[in-house]
Amino acid sequence: MNDSSEEPRKIIIDEDWKSQIESEKEQLRQQEIEPGSDADGDGDGDGQNPAEELPPASFAAHIMTLATQATVGLGQIPDPEKPNEPPPVNLPFAKYMIDTLVILEEKTSGNLTTEEAAMMENITHQLQMAYVEVSRQVGS
């Protein structure tokens, strides 16, 4: 996907965001949490922030989220509330999610690492093949 004849990409860094981040970090350092207070501010008193349980945001995590949604639409992930029932198939939703991944692959072409580009190509190909297979099964 990357053409070796292309010019190297230039990275433009906006210095304003750096100073804003440093300012926010300093404000956080200066805030003192009083003993017995709800440290995470969610009102449940457990001191744990639900966001701490989430993986860090990344391009790969976003792609995997979209791919998982497409897989759900293809009926390949069972509903945890109905484990004894076959998962429902929603082909229009699966197609929409796969098309979204294809658009992202096209729009990010040339801006991804080799690993990210390979991941995108592999995931979209696998989902497209699964879509064709599920379409055939549903049609018969």
N, C-alpha and C. Protein backbone atom coordinates (compact mmCIF):
# COMPACT_ATOMS: atom_id res chain seq x y z
N MET A 1 0.81 -1.19 0.00
CA MET A 1 0.00 0.00 0.00
C MET A 1 0.85 1.26 0.00
N ASN A 2 2.01 1.20 0.65
CA ASN A 2 2.89 2.35 0.65
C ASN A 2 3.79 2.32 -0.57
N ASP A 3 3.82 3.37 -1.33
CA ASP A 3 4.64 3.46 -2.52
C ASP A 3 5.99 4.03 -2.12
N SER A 4 7.06 3.28 -2.40
CA SER A 4 8.38 3.72 -1.97
C SER A 4 8.83 4.97 -2.72
N SER A 5 8.17 5.31 -3.84
CA SER A 5 8.54 6.51 -4.58
C SER A 5 7.90 7.77 -4.01
N GLU A 6 7.01 7.60 -3.03
CA GLU A 6 6.37 8.76 -2.42
C GLU A 6 7.38 9.51 -1.58
N GLU A 7 7.14 10.81 -1.44
CA GLU A 7 7.99 11.62 -0.58
C GLU A 7 7.74 11.24 0.85
N PRO A 8 8.75 11.36 1.71
CA PRO A 8 8.51 11.06 3.13
C PRO A 8 7.46 12.03 3.69
N ARG A 9 6.64 11.51 4.58
CA ARG A 9 5.59 12.33 5.17
C ARG A 9 6.20 13.33 6.12
N LYS A 10 5.63 14.51 6.16
CA LYS A 10 6.07 15.55 7.07
C LYS A 10 5.12 15.57 8.25
N ILE A 11 5.65 15.63 9.43
CA ILE A 11 4.84 15.71 10.62
C ILE A 11 4.84 17.14 11.09
N ILE A 12 3.64 17.69 11.21
CA ILE A 12 3.47 19.06 11.65
C ILE A 12 2.96 19.01 13.08
N ILE A 13 3.68 19.65 13.98
CA ILE A 13 3.31 19.63 15.39
C ILE A 13 2.87 21.01 15.80
N ASP A 14 1.68 21.08 16.33
CA ASP A 14 1.14 22.32 16.85
C ASP A 14 1.59 22.45 18.29
N GLU A 15 2.42 23.43 18.57
CA GLU A 15 3.01 23.60 19.89
C GLU A 15 1.99 24.01 20.95
N ASP A 16 0.85 24.59 20.55
CA ASP A 16 -0.14 25.04 21.52
C ASP A 16 -0.69 23.89 22.36
N TRP A 17 -0.91 22.73 21.74
CA TRP A 17 -1.49 21.62 22.49
C TRP A 17 -0.54 21.14 23.57
N LYS A 18 0.77 21.25 23.32
CA LYS A 18 1.75 20.82 24.32
C LYS A 18 1.64 21.68 25.58
N SER A 19 1.55 22.98 25.40
CA SER A 19 1.45 23.85 26.56
C SER A 19 0.13 23.64 27.29
N GLN A 20 -0.94 23.36 26.56
CA GLN A 20 -2.22 23.10 27.18
C GLN A 20 -2.16 21.82 28.02
N ILE A 21 -1.52 20.78 27.50
CA ILE A 21 -1.39 19.52 28.22
C ILE A 21 -0.57 19.74 29.50
N GLU A 22 0.53 20.47 29.39
CA GLU A 22 1.36 20.73 30.56
C GLU A 22 0.58 21.51 31.62
N SER A 23 -0.22 22.46 31.18
CA SER A 23 -1.04 23.23 32.10
C SER A 23 -2.04 22.33 32.83
N GLU A 24 -2.69 21.43 32.08
CA GLU A 24 -3.64 20.52 32.68
C GLU A 24 -2.96 19.56 33.66
N LYS A 25 -1.78 19.09 33.30
CA LYS A 25 -1.03 18.20 34.20
C LYS A 25 -0.70 18.92 35.51
N GLU A 26 -0.28 20.17 35.38
CA GLU A 26 0.07 20.95 36.58
C GLU A 26 -1.16 21.15 37.46
N GLN A 27 -2.31 21.42 36.85
CA GLN A 27 -3.53 21.59 37.62
C GLN A 27 -3.88 20.30 38.37
N LEU A 28 -3.70 19.18 37.72
CA LEU A 28 -3.97 17.90 38.37
C LEU A 28 -3.01 17.65 39.53
N ARG A 29 -1.75 18.01 39.35
CA ARG A 29 -0.76 17.84 40.43
C ARG A 29 -1.12 18.69 41.63
N GLN A 30 -1.66 19.87 41.39
CA GLN A 30 -1.95 20.80 42.46
C GLN A 30 -3.24 20.43 43.21
N GLN A 31 -4.11 19.69 42.57
CA GLN A 31 -5.35 19.29 43.25
C GLN A 31 -5.02 18.21 44.26
N GLU A 32 -5.51 18.41 45.47
CA GLU A 32 -5.31 17.40 46.50
C GLU A 32 -6.64 16.74 46.77
N ILE A 33 -6.62 15.42 46.84
CA ILE A 33 -7.84 14.68 47.14
C ILE A 33 -7.95 14.55 48.65
N GLU A 34 -9.07 14.98 49.21
CA GLU A 34 -9.27 14.91 50.65
C GLU A 34 -9.56 13.47 51.05
N PRO A 35 -9.03 13.02 52.21
CA PRO A 35 -9.29 11.65 52.66
C PRO A 35 -10.80 11.42 52.82
N GLY A 36 -11.25 10.25 52.37
CA GLY A 36 -12.66 9.90 52.49
C GLY A 36 -13.52 10.43 51.37
N SER A 37 -12.94 11.21 50.47
CA SER A 37 -13.76 11.73 49.36
C SER A 37 -13.87 10.68 48.28
N ASP A 38 -14.81 10.89 47.38
CA ASP A 38 -14.98 10.00 46.25
C ASP A 38 -13.95 10.38 45.21
N ALA A 39 -12.84 9.67 45.19
CA ALA A 39 -11.68 10.05 44.38
C ALA A 39 -11.97 10.11 42.90
N ASP A 40 -12.86 9.26 42.42
CA ASP A 40 -13.10 9.27 40.98
C ASP A 40 -14.25 10.15 40.57
N GLY A 41 -14.99 10.68 41.53
CA GLY A 41 -16.05 11.63 41.21
C GLY A 41 -17.27 11.03 40.55
N ASP A 42 -17.40 9.68 40.57
CA ASP A 42 -18.57 9.10 39.93
C ASP A 42 -19.72 8.86 40.90
N GLY A 43 -19.50 9.24 42.18
CA GLY A 43 -20.59 9.20 43.14
C GLY A 43 -20.83 7.85 43.79
N ASP A 44 -20.08 6.82 43.42
CA ASP A 44 -20.34 5.52 44.03
C ASP A 44 -19.43 5.21 45.21
N GLY A 45 -18.46 6.06 45.48
CA GLY A 45 -17.60 5.91 46.64
C GLY A 45 -16.58 4.79 46.53
N ASP A 46 -16.45 4.16 45.37
CA ASP A 46 -15.49 3.07 45.26
C ASP A 46 -14.08 3.52 44.94
N GLY A 47 -13.93 4.78 44.54
CA GLY A 47 -12.60 5.31 44.24
C GLY A 47 -12.02 4.79 42.94
N GLN A 48 -12.77 4.02 42.18
CA GLN A 48 -12.27 3.49 40.92
C GLN A 48 -13.02 4.14 39.76
N ASN A 49 -12.26 4.56 38.79
CA ASN A 49 -12.81 5.21 37.61
C ASN A 49 -13.10 4.14 36.57
N PRO A 50 -14.33 4.03 36.04
CA PRO A 50 -14.62 3.03 35.02
C PRO A 50 -13.72 3.14 33.80
N ALA A 51 -13.25 4.33 33.49
CA ALA A 51 -12.38 4.51 32.32
C ALA A 51 -11.04 3.82 32.53
N GLU A 52 -10.64 3.58 33.76
CA GLU A 52 -9.38 2.90 34.02
C GLU A 52 -9.41 1.45 33.56
N GLU A 53 -10.58 0.89 33.40
CA GLU A 53 -10.72 -0.49 32.98
C GLU A 53 -10.65 -0.65 31.46
N LEU A 54 -10.73 0.44 30.74
CA LEU A 54 -10.71 0.40 29.29
C LEU A 54 -9.27 0.38 28.78
N PRO A 55 -9.06 -0.30 27.65
CA PRO A 55 -7.71 -0.26 27.08
C PRO A 55 -7.43 1.13 26.53
N PRO A 56 -6.17 1.45 26.33
CA PRO A 56 -5.87 2.77 25.78
C PRO A 56 -6.45 2.91 24.36
N ALA A 57 -6.89 4.10 24.05
CA ALA A 57 -7.43 4.35 22.72
C ALA A 57 -6.32 4.21 21.69
N SER A 58 -6.62 3.53 20.61
CA SER A 58 -5.64 3.37 19.54
C SER A 58 -6.38 3.09 18.24
N PHE A 59 -5.67 3.24 17.15
CA PHE A 59 -6.26 2.95 15.85
C PHE A 59 -6.65 1.48 15.78
N ALA A 60 -5.78 0.60 16.24
CA ALA A 60 -6.06 -0.84 16.18
C ALA A 60 -7.28 -1.18 17.02
N ALA A 61 -7.41 -0.59 18.20
CA ALA A 61 -8.57 -0.86 19.05
C ALA A 61 -9.86 -0.40 18.37
N HIS A 62 -9.81 0.75 17.69
CA HIS A 62 -11.00 1.24 16.99
C HIS A 62 -11.38 0.30 15.85
N ILE A 63 -10.40 -0.15 15.10
CA ILE A 63 -10.66 -1.06 13.99
C ILE A 63 -11.24 -2.37 14.51
N MET A 64 -10.70 -2.87 15.62
CA MET A 64 -11.21 -4.11 16.19
C MET A 64 -12.65 -3.94 16.70
N THR A 65 -12.98 -2.77 17.21
CA THR A 65 -14.35 -2.50 17.65
C THR A 65 -15.31 -2.57 16.46
N LEU A 66 -14.93 -1.93 15.36
CA LEU A 66 -15.78 -1.97 14.16
C LEU A 66 -15.88 -3.39 13.61
N ALA A 67 -14.76 -4.11 13.61
CA ALA A 67 -14.76 -5.49 13.11
C ALA A 67 -15.64 -6.38 13.99
N THR A 68 -15.61 -6.17 15.28
CA THR A 68 -16.45 -6.95 16.19
C THR A 68 -17.92 -6.68 15.91
N GLN A 69 -18.27 -5.43 15.66
CA GLN A 69 -19.66 -5.09 15.34
C GLN A 69 -20.09 -5.78 14.05
N ALA A 70 -19.20 -5.82 13.07
CA ALA A 70 -19.52 -6.51 11.81
C ALA A 70 -19.73 -7.99 12.07
N THR A 71 -18.90 -8.57 12.93
CA THR A 71 -19.00 -9.99 13.26
C THR A 71 -20.32 -10.28 13.98
N VAL A 72 -20.75 -9.38 14.84
CA VAL A 72 -22.05 -9.51 15.50
C VAL A 72 -23.16 -9.50 14.44
N GLY A 73 -23.09 -8.59 13.50
CA GLY A 73 -24.08 -8.50 12.44
C GLY A 73 -24.12 -9.74 11.57
N LEU A 74 -22.98 -10.41 11.46
CA LEU A 74 -22.91 -11.64 10.68
C LEU A 74 -23.42 -12.85 11.46
N GLY A 75 -23.81 -12.61 12.71
CA GLY A 75 -24.35 -13.69 13.53
C GLY A 75 -23.29 -14.66 14.01
N GLN A 76 -22.07 -14.21 14.15
CA GLN A 76 -20.98 -15.09 14.54
C GLN A 76 -20.60 -14.95 16.01
N ILE A 77 -21.27 -14.06 16.72
CA ILE A 77 -21.04 -13.90 18.16
C ILE A 77 -22.38 -14.10 18.86
N PRO A 78 -22.47 -15.09 19.74
CA PRO A 78 -23.75 -15.34 20.40
C PRO A 78 -24.11 -14.24 21.39
N ASP A 79 -25.41 -14.07 21.58
CA ASP A 79 -25.92 -13.11 22.56
C ASP A 79 -25.71 -13.70 23.94
N PRO A 80 -24.95 -13.02 24.82
CA PRO A 80 -24.68 -13.59 26.14
C PRO A 80 -25.95 -13.78 26.98
N GLU A 81 -27.00 -13.02 26.68
CA GLU A 81 -28.25 -13.16 27.41
C GLU A 81 -29.10 -14.33 26.89
N LYS A 82 -28.76 -14.81 25.69
CA LYS A 82 -29.51 -15.92 25.09
C LYS A 82 -28.51 -16.95 24.54
N PRO A 83 -27.73 -17.58 25.43
CA PRO A 83 -26.65 -18.47 24.95
C PRO A 83 -27.15 -19.71 24.22
N ASN A 84 -28.39 -20.12 24.45
CA ASN A 84 -28.91 -21.33 23.81
C ASN A 84 -29.58 -21.07 22.47
N GLU A 85 -29.68 -19.81 22.09
CA GLU A 85 -30.30 -19.46 20.82
C GLU A 85 -29.21 -19.11 19.81
N PRO A 86 -29.45 -19.43 18.54
CA PRO A 86 -28.45 -19.00 17.54
C PRO A 86 -28.44 -17.48 17.44
N PRO A 87 -27.27 -16.91 17.25
CA PRO A 87 -27.19 -15.45 17.17
C PRO A 87 -27.93 -14.93 15.94
N PRO A 88 -28.60 -13.79 16.08
CA PRO A 88 -29.32 -13.24 14.93
C PRO A 88 -28.35 -12.70 13.88
N VAL A 89 -28.76 -12.78 12.64
CA VAL A 89 -27.97 -12.26 11.52
C VAL A 89 -28.62 -10.96 11.06
N ASN A 90 -27.81 -9.92 10.93
CA ASN A 90 -28.29 -8.63 10.45
C ASN A 90 -27.34 -8.20 9.33
N LEU A 91 -27.60 -8.71 8.13
CA LEU A 91 -26.71 -8.46 7.00
C LEU A 91 -26.57 -6.98 6.64
N PRO A 92 -27.64 -6.18 6.66
CA PRO A 92 -27.45 -4.76 6.34
C PRO A 92 -26.50 -4.07 7.33
N PHE A 93 -26.62 -4.40 8.61
CA PHE A 93 -25.72 -3.81 9.61
C PHE A 93 -24.29 -4.29 9.39
N ALA A 94 -24.11 -5.58 9.14
CA ALA A 94 -22.78 -6.12 8.89
C ALA A 94 -22.15 -5.44 7.66
N LYS A 95 -22.94 -5.28 6.61
CA LYS A 95 -22.44 -4.63 5.39
C LYS A 95 -22.02 -3.19 5.68
N TYR A 96 -22.83 -2.50 6.46
CA TYR A 96 -22.51 -1.11 6.82
C TYR A 96 -21.17 -1.04 7.57
N MET A 97 -20.97 -1.93 8.53
CA MET A 97 -19.73 -1.92 9.31
C MET A 97 -18.53 -2.29 8.43
N ILE A 98 -18.70 -3.25 7.55
CA ILE A 98 -17.61 -3.64 6.64
C ILE A 98 -17.31 -2.49 5.68
N ASP A 99 -18.34 -1.85 5.15
CA ASP A 99 -18.13 -0.70 4.27
C ASP A 99 -17.41 0.43 5.00
N THR A 100 -17.74 0.62 6.27
CA THR A 100 -17.06 1.64 7.08
C THR A 100 -15.58 1.33 7.19
N LEU A 101 -15.26 0.07 7.41
CA LEU A 101 -13.84 -0.34 7.49
C LEU A 101 -13.13 -0.12 6.15
N VAL A 102 -13.81 -0.43 5.06
CA VAL A 102 -13.23 -0.23 3.72
C VAL A 102 -12.95 1.25 3.49
N ILE A 103 -13.89 2.10 3.86
CA ILE A 103 -13.70 3.55 3.70
C ILE A 103 -12.51 4.02 4.54
N LEU A 104 -12.42 3.54 5.78
CA LEU A 104 -11.28 3.91 6.62
C LEU A 104 -9.97 3.44 6.00
N GLU A 105 -9.99 2.25 5.44
CA GLU A 105 -8.78 1.73 4.79
C GLU A 105 -8.37 2.62 3.62
N GLU A 106 -9.35 3.04 2.83
CA GLU A 106 -9.05 3.90 1.68
C GLU A 106 -8.58 5.29 2.13
N LYS A 107 -9.26 5.87 3.11
CA LYS A 107 -8.95 7.24 3.54
C LYS A 107 -7.64 7.33 4.32
N THR A 108 -7.22 6.24 4.94
CA THR A 108 -5.97 6.27 5.71
C THR A 108 -4.80 5.71 4.93
N SER A 109 -5.04 5.31 3.69
CA SER A 109 -3.98 4.73 2.87
C SER A 109 -2.79 5.69 2.79
N GLY A 110 -1.62 5.16 3.06
CA GLY A 110 -0.41 5.97 3.03
C GLY A 110 -0.09 6.64 4.36
N ASN A 111 -1.02 6.58 5.31
CA ASN A 111 -0.80 7.20 6.61
C ASN A 111 -0.70 6.18 7.74
N LEU A 112 -0.69 4.91 7.39
CA LEU A 112 -0.64 3.85 8.40
C LEU A 112 0.75 3.22 8.43
N THR A 113 1.05 2.62 9.58
CA THR A 113 2.28 1.83 9.65
C THR A 113 2.06 0.58 8.81
N THR A 114 3.12 -0.12 8.52
CA THR A 114 3.02 -1.36 7.75
C THR A 114 2.10 -2.35 8.46
N GLU A 115 2.24 -2.43 9.78
CA GLU A 115 1.41 -3.36 10.57
C GLU A 115 -0.06 -2.96 10.53
N GLU A 116 -0.34 -1.66 10.67
CA GLU A 116 -1.72 -1.19 10.64
C GLU A 116 -2.35 -1.43 9.27
N ALA A 117 -1.60 -1.17 8.21
CA ALA A 117 -2.12 -1.38 6.86
C ALA A 117 -2.41 -2.86 6.62
N ALA A 118 -1.52 -3.72 7.08
CA ALA A 118 -1.72 -5.16 6.92
C ALA A 118 -2.94 -5.62 7.73
N MET A 119 -3.09 -5.09 8.93
CA MET A 119 -4.24 -5.43 9.77
C MET A 119 -5.53 -5.02 9.07
N MET A 120 -5.57 -3.80 8.55
CA MET A 120 -6.77 -3.32 7.86
C MET A 120 -7.11 -4.21 6.67
N GLU A 121 -6.11 -4.51 5.87
CA GLU A 121 -6.33 -5.33 4.68
C GLU A 121 -6.83 -6.72 5.07
N ASN A 122 -6.21 -7.31 6.07
CA ASN A 122 -6.58 -8.65 6.51
C ASN A 122 -8.00 -8.68 7.08
N ILE A 123 -8.30 -7.75 7.95
CA ILE A 123 -9.63 -7.73 8.58
C ILE A 123 -10.73 -7.49 7.55
N THR A 124 -10.54 -6.52 6.68
CA THR A 124 -11.59 -6.25 5.69
C THR A 124 -11.79 -7.45 4.76
N HIS A 125 -10.69 -8.08 4.37
CA HIS A 125 -10.80 -9.25 3.49
C HIS A 125 -11.55 -10.39 4.19
N GLN A 126 -11.17 -10.68 5.43
CA GLN A 126 -11.83 -11.76 6.18
C GLN A 126 -13.32 -11.47 6.37
N LEU A 127 -13.65 -10.24 6.70
CA LEU A 127 -15.06 -9.88 6.92
C LEU A 127 -15.85 -9.94 5.61
N GLN A 128 -15.25 -9.51 4.52
CA GLN A 128 -15.94 -9.57 3.23
C GLN A 128 -16.22 -11.02 2.83
N MET A 129 -15.25 -11.90 3.06
CA MET A 129 -15.44 -13.32 2.74
C MET A 129 -16.52 -13.94 3.65
N ALA A 130 -16.50 -13.56 4.93
CA ALA A 130 -17.52 -14.05 5.86
C ALA A 130 -18.90 -13.55 5.45
N TYR A 131 -18.97 -12.31 5.00
CA TYR A 131 -20.25 -11.74 4.56
C TYR A 131 -20.81 -12.54 3.38
N VAL A 132 -19.96 -12.87 2.42
CA VAL A 132 -20.40 -13.64 1.26
C VAL A 132 -20.91 -15.01 1.71
N GLU A 133 -20.17 -15.66 2.61
CA GLU A 133 -20.57 -16.98 3.09
C GLU A 133 -21.91 -16.92 3.84
N VAL A 134 -22.05 -15.97 4.75
CA VAL A 134 -23.30 -15.86 5.53
C VAL A 134 -24.46 -15.50 4.59
N SER A 135 -24.21 -14.64 3.61
CA SER A 135 -25.26 -14.28 2.64
C SER A 135 -25.76 -15.51 1.90
N ARG A 136 -24.83 -16.37 1.52
CA ARG A 136 -25.22 -17.61 0.82
C ARG A 136 -26.04 -18.52 1.74
N GLN A 137 -25.62 -18.63 3.00
CA GLN A 137 -26.34 -19.49 3.94
C GLN A 137 -27.74 -18.96 4.21
N VAL A 138 -27.85 -17.65 4.39
CA VAL A 138 -29.15 -17.05 4.67
C VAL A 138 -30.07 -17.16 3.45
N GLY A 139 -29.49 -17.05 2.27
CA GLY A 139 -30.26 -17.11 1.03
C GLY A 139 -30.78 -18.50 0.71
N SER A 140 -30.16 -19.54 1.25
CA SER A 140 -30.59 -20.91 0.90
C SER A 140 -31.52 -21.51 1.92
